[in-house]
């Protein structure tokens, strides 16, 4: 999953994958949880689900306002 995100975004988007104890694994983008393994039946995401997460990230990136250039 991490490789899929990094391959698609490179260093341009910070995506946090947060594995924790008790089989908890969450994916956050811009502070918002976009995946929760426990909330999805304790099943690790397959490639189709990872690509769905990428679509969510792409939509959120498209909705962000561009940062002003430093002068």
N, C-alpha and C. Protein backbone atom coordinates (compact mmCIF):
# COMPACT_ATOMS: atom_id res chain seq x y z
N UNK A 1 0.82 -1.17 0.00
CA UNK A 1 0.00 0.00 0.00
C UNK A 1 0.88 1.25 0.00
N UNK A 2 1.86 1.30 0.89
CA UNK A 2 2.73 2.47 0.94
C UNK A 2 3.45 2.67 -0.39
N UNK A 3 3.90 1.57 -0.98
CA UNK A 3 4.59 1.65 -2.26
C UNK A 3 3.66 2.20 -3.34
N UNK A 4 2.42 1.79 -3.34
CA UNK A 4 1.45 2.27 -4.33
C UNK A 4 1.24 3.78 -4.19
N UNK A 5 1.12 4.26 -2.95
CA UNK A 5 0.95 5.70 -2.73
C UNK A 5 2.21 6.46 -3.15
N UNK A 6 3.38 5.96 -2.73
CA UNK A 6 4.61 6.68 -3.05
C UNK A 6 4.87 6.67 -4.55
N UNK A 7 4.59 5.55 -5.20
CA UNK A 7 4.80 5.46 -6.65
C UNK A 7 3.90 6.45 -7.38
N UNK A 8 2.69 6.63 -6.89
CA UNK A 8 1.74 7.52 -7.56
C UNK A 8 2.02 8.99 -7.25
N UNK A 9 2.34 9.31 -5.99
CA UNK A 9 2.48 10.71 -5.58
C UNK A 9 3.92 11.17 -5.40
N UNK A 10 4.83 10.25 -5.18
CA UNK A 10 6.20 10.65 -4.87
C UNK A 10 6.20 11.50 -3.61
N UNK A 11 7.06 12.50 -3.55
CA UNK A 11 7.12 13.34 -2.35
C UNK A 11 6.08 14.46 -2.35
N UNK A 12 5.18 14.47 -3.33
CA UNK A 12 4.23 15.58 -3.47
C UNK A 12 3.04 15.52 -2.52
N UNK A 13 2.77 14.38 -1.92
CA UNK A 13 1.64 14.27 -1.00
C UNK A 13 2.06 13.44 0.20
N UNK A 14 1.77 13.95 1.39
CA UNK A 14 2.08 13.22 2.61
C UNK A 14 0.87 12.38 2.99
N UNK A 15 1.05 11.08 2.93
CA UNK A 15 0.00 10.15 3.31
C UNK A 15 0.53 9.37 4.49
N UNK A 16 -0.20 9.38 5.61
CA UNK A 16 0.24 8.68 6.81
C UNK A 16 -0.48 7.34 6.91
N UNK A 17 0.29 6.28 7.01
CA UNK A 17 -0.25 4.95 7.26
C UNK A 17 0.11 4.62 8.69
N UNK A 18 -0.89 4.44 9.52
CA UNK A 18 -0.66 4.35 10.95
C UNK A 18 -1.00 2.96 11.49
N UNK A 19 -0.02 2.02 11.49
CA UNK A 19 -0.29 0.72 12.12
C UNK A 19 -0.10 0.86 13.63
N UNK A 20 -1.02 0.31 14.38
CA UNK A 20 -0.91 0.34 15.83
C UNK A 20 -1.25 -1.04 16.37
N UNK A 21 -1.13 -1.22 17.65
CA UNK A 21 -1.42 -2.50 18.27
C UNK A 21 -2.86 -2.95 18.06
N UNK A 22 -3.13 -4.18 18.40
CA UNK A 22 -4.47 -4.77 18.34
C UNK A 22 -5.05 -4.74 16.93
N UNK A 23 -4.21 -4.96 15.93
CA UNK A 23 -4.63 -5.03 14.52
C UNK A 23 -5.26 -3.74 14.01
N UNK A 24 -4.90 -2.61 14.59
CA UNK A 24 -5.42 -1.33 14.13
C UNK A 24 -4.50 -0.81 13.03
N UNK A 25 -5.08 -0.46 11.90
CA UNK A 25 -4.33 0.17 10.82
C UNK A 25 -5.24 1.21 10.18
N UNK A 26 -4.73 2.43 10.11
CA UNK A 26 -5.50 3.53 9.54
C UNK A 26 -4.65 4.27 8.53
N UNK A 27 -5.31 4.89 7.56
CA UNK A 27 -4.64 5.73 6.57
C UNK A 27 -5.25 7.12 6.68
N UNK A 28 -4.38 8.12 6.83
CA UNK A 28 -4.82 9.51 6.95
C UNK A 28 -4.28 10.33 5.79
N UNK A 29 -5.08 11.25 5.33
CA UNK A 29 -4.61 12.24 4.36
C UNK A 29 -5.10 13.60 4.83
N UNK A 30 -4.18 14.53 4.98
CA UNK A 30 -4.50 15.89 5.41
C UNK A 30 -5.29 15.88 6.72
N UNK A 31 -4.93 14.97 7.62
CA UNK A 31 -5.56 14.89 8.93
C UNK A 31 -6.88 14.13 8.95
N UNK A 32 -7.37 13.69 7.82
CA UNK A 32 -8.65 12.99 7.74
C UNK A 32 -8.41 11.50 7.51
N UNK A 33 -9.08 10.68 8.29
CA UNK A 33 -8.94 9.23 8.13
C UNK A 33 -9.71 8.81 6.87
N UNK A 34 -9.01 8.15 5.95
CA UNK A 34 -9.66 7.68 4.73
C UNK A 34 -9.75 6.16 4.69
N UNK A 35 -9.11 5.49 5.65
CA UNK A 35 -9.20 4.04 5.73
C UNK A 35 -9.03 3.62 7.18
N UNK A 36 -9.86 2.69 7.61
CA UNK A 36 -9.77 2.12 8.94
C UNK A 36 -10.00 0.62 8.80
N UNK A 37 -8.94 -0.16 9.01
CA UNK A 37 -9.04 -1.61 8.83
C UNK A 37 -10.14 -2.20 9.71
N UNK A 38 -10.22 -1.75 10.94
CA UNK A 38 -11.23 -2.28 11.86
C UNK A 38 -12.64 -1.96 11.34
N UNK A 39 -12.82 -0.77 10.79
CA UNK A 39 -14.12 -0.37 10.27
C UNK A 39 -14.51 -1.09 8.99
N UNK A 40 -13.55 -1.79 8.38
CA UNK A 40 -13.81 -2.52 7.14
C UNK A 40 -13.66 -4.02 7.34
N UNK A 41 -14.04 -4.48 8.52
CA UNK A 41 -14.08 -5.92 8.78
C UNK A 41 -12.74 -6.55 9.09
N UNK A 42 -11.75 -5.77 9.53
CA UNK A 42 -10.41 -6.26 9.85
C UNK A 42 -9.74 -6.97 8.68
N UNK A 43 -10.02 -6.50 7.48
CA UNK A 43 -9.43 -7.07 6.27
C UNK A 43 -8.44 -6.07 5.70
N UNK A 44 -7.23 -6.54 5.38
CA UNK A 44 -6.26 -5.67 4.74
C UNK A 44 -6.77 -5.29 3.36
N UNK A 45 -6.51 -4.06 2.92
CA UNK A 45 -7.03 -3.63 1.62
C UNK A 45 -6.33 -4.33 0.46
N UNK A 46 -7.12 -4.76 -0.51
CA UNK A 46 -6.54 -5.30 -1.73
C UNK A 46 -6.19 -4.14 -2.66
N UNK A 47 -5.61 -4.45 -3.81
CA UNK A 47 -5.17 -3.40 -4.72
C UNK A 47 -6.34 -2.53 -5.18
N UNK A 48 -7.49 -3.13 -5.39
CA UNK A 48 -8.68 -2.35 -5.78
C UNK A 48 -9.02 -1.32 -4.71
N UNK A 49 -8.98 -1.73 -3.44
CA UNK A 49 -9.30 -0.80 -2.34
C UNK A 49 -8.24 0.28 -2.22
N UNK A 50 -6.98 -0.07 -2.41
CA UNK A 50 -5.91 0.93 -2.37
C UNK A 50 -6.12 1.96 -3.47
N UNK A 51 -6.51 1.51 -4.64
CA UNK A 51 -6.75 2.45 -5.74
C UNK A 51 -7.97 3.33 -5.46
N UNK A 52 -8.96 2.80 -4.75
CA UNK A 52 -10.10 3.63 -4.33
C UNK A 52 -9.62 4.72 -3.37
N UNK A 53 -8.70 4.37 -2.47
CA UNK A 53 -8.14 5.37 -1.56
C UNK A 53 -7.39 6.44 -2.35
N UNK A 54 -6.66 6.02 -3.37
CA UNK A 54 -5.95 6.99 -4.22
C UNK A 54 -6.93 7.94 -4.88
N UNK A 55 -8.08 7.44 -5.32
CA UNK A 55 -9.09 8.30 -5.94
C UNK A 55 -9.60 9.33 -4.94
N UNK A 56 -9.78 8.92 -3.70
CA UNK A 56 -10.21 9.86 -2.65
C UNK A 56 -9.14 10.93 -2.46
N UNK A 57 -7.88 10.51 -2.40
CA UNK A 57 -6.78 11.46 -2.23
C UNK A 57 -6.70 12.40 -3.43
N UNK A 58 -6.83 11.86 -4.64
CA UNK A 58 -6.80 12.69 -5.84
C UNK A 58 -7.89 13.76 -5.80
N UNK A 59 -9.10 13.37 -5.39
CA UNK A 59 -10.21 14.32 -5.31
C UNK A 59 -9.93 15.40 -4.28
N UNK A 60 -9.36 15.00 -3.14
CA UNK A 60 -9.05 15.98 -2.10
C UNK A 60 -7.92 16.90 -2.54
N UNK A 61 -6.94 16.37 -3.25
CA UNK A 61 -5.86 17.22 -3.77
C UNK A 61 -6.41 18.23 -4.77
N UNK A 62 -7.33 17.79 -5.61
CA UNK A 62 -7.92 18.68 -6.61
C UNK A 62 -8.75 19.79 -5.98
N UNK A 63 -9.28 19.54 -4.78
CA UNK A 63 -10.11 20.54 -4.11
C UNK A 63 -9.30 21.54 -3.29
N UNK A 64 -8.02 21.25 -3.08
CA UNK A 64 -7.18 22.16 -2.27
C UNK A 64 -6.85 23.42 -3.05
N UNK A 65 -6.80 24.51 -2.34
CA UNK A 65 -6.37 25.78 -2.92
C UNK A 65 -4.85 25.75 -3.07
N UNK A 66 -4.33 26.21 -4.21
CA UNK A 66 -2.87 26.26 -4.35
C UNK A 66 -2.27 27.25 -3.35
N UNK A 67 -1.13 26.88 -2.82
CA UNK A 67 -0.43 27.76 -1.89
C UNK A 67 0.20 28.91 -2.66
N UNK A 68 0.18 30.11 -2.09
CA UNK A 68 0.82 31.23 -2.78
C UNK A 68 2.33 31.02 -2.87
N UNK A 69 2.90 31.48 -3.95
CA UNK A 69 4.34 31.35 -4.15
C UNK A 69 5.09 32.28 -3.20
N UNK A 70 6.22 31.80 -2.71
CA UNK A 70 7.07 32.64 -1.87
C UNK A 70 7.79 33.65 -2.76
N UNK A 71 7.74 34.90 -2.36
CA UNK A 71 8.43 35.94 -3.13
C UNK A 71 9.69 36.38 -2.44
